[in-house]
Amino acid sequence: MYENLNVHEMELEDNINHIHRNEQNNYDEYIYATGIDNVISALENVSFEKTKSVKAAYKKYEEENLPIVKEEHKGLKLSQYKQMLWKQFKKSAENPMNQKE
């Protein structure tokens, strides 16, 4: 009924939770503040314009490249396609975070 499987021969997939955690930790700078007043004053200096432009740029990138990736890698789930696109976008010149000011 069951085949004898050697655990060491099985290919392990990356843990998606670890991938997301590592992506979130790839920021250029961190803000450390305790207390509401300190947090508010620290966030006053943060620009959220770049974040909005990244979201818009990624949405455009995804719309343009999703059909191409689907054609190249048939049979995957939508989440897998989007994961591939996000990895490509992070390195892409179309990503505002990669553009020098």
Foldseek 3Di string as FASTA:
>chain_A
DDDDDDPVPDDDDDDVVVVVVVVVVPDPDDDDDDDPVRVVVVCVPDDCPLVVQQVVLLVVQCVVCLVVLCVVDPDDDPVVSSVVSVVVQVPDPSGPVPDDD
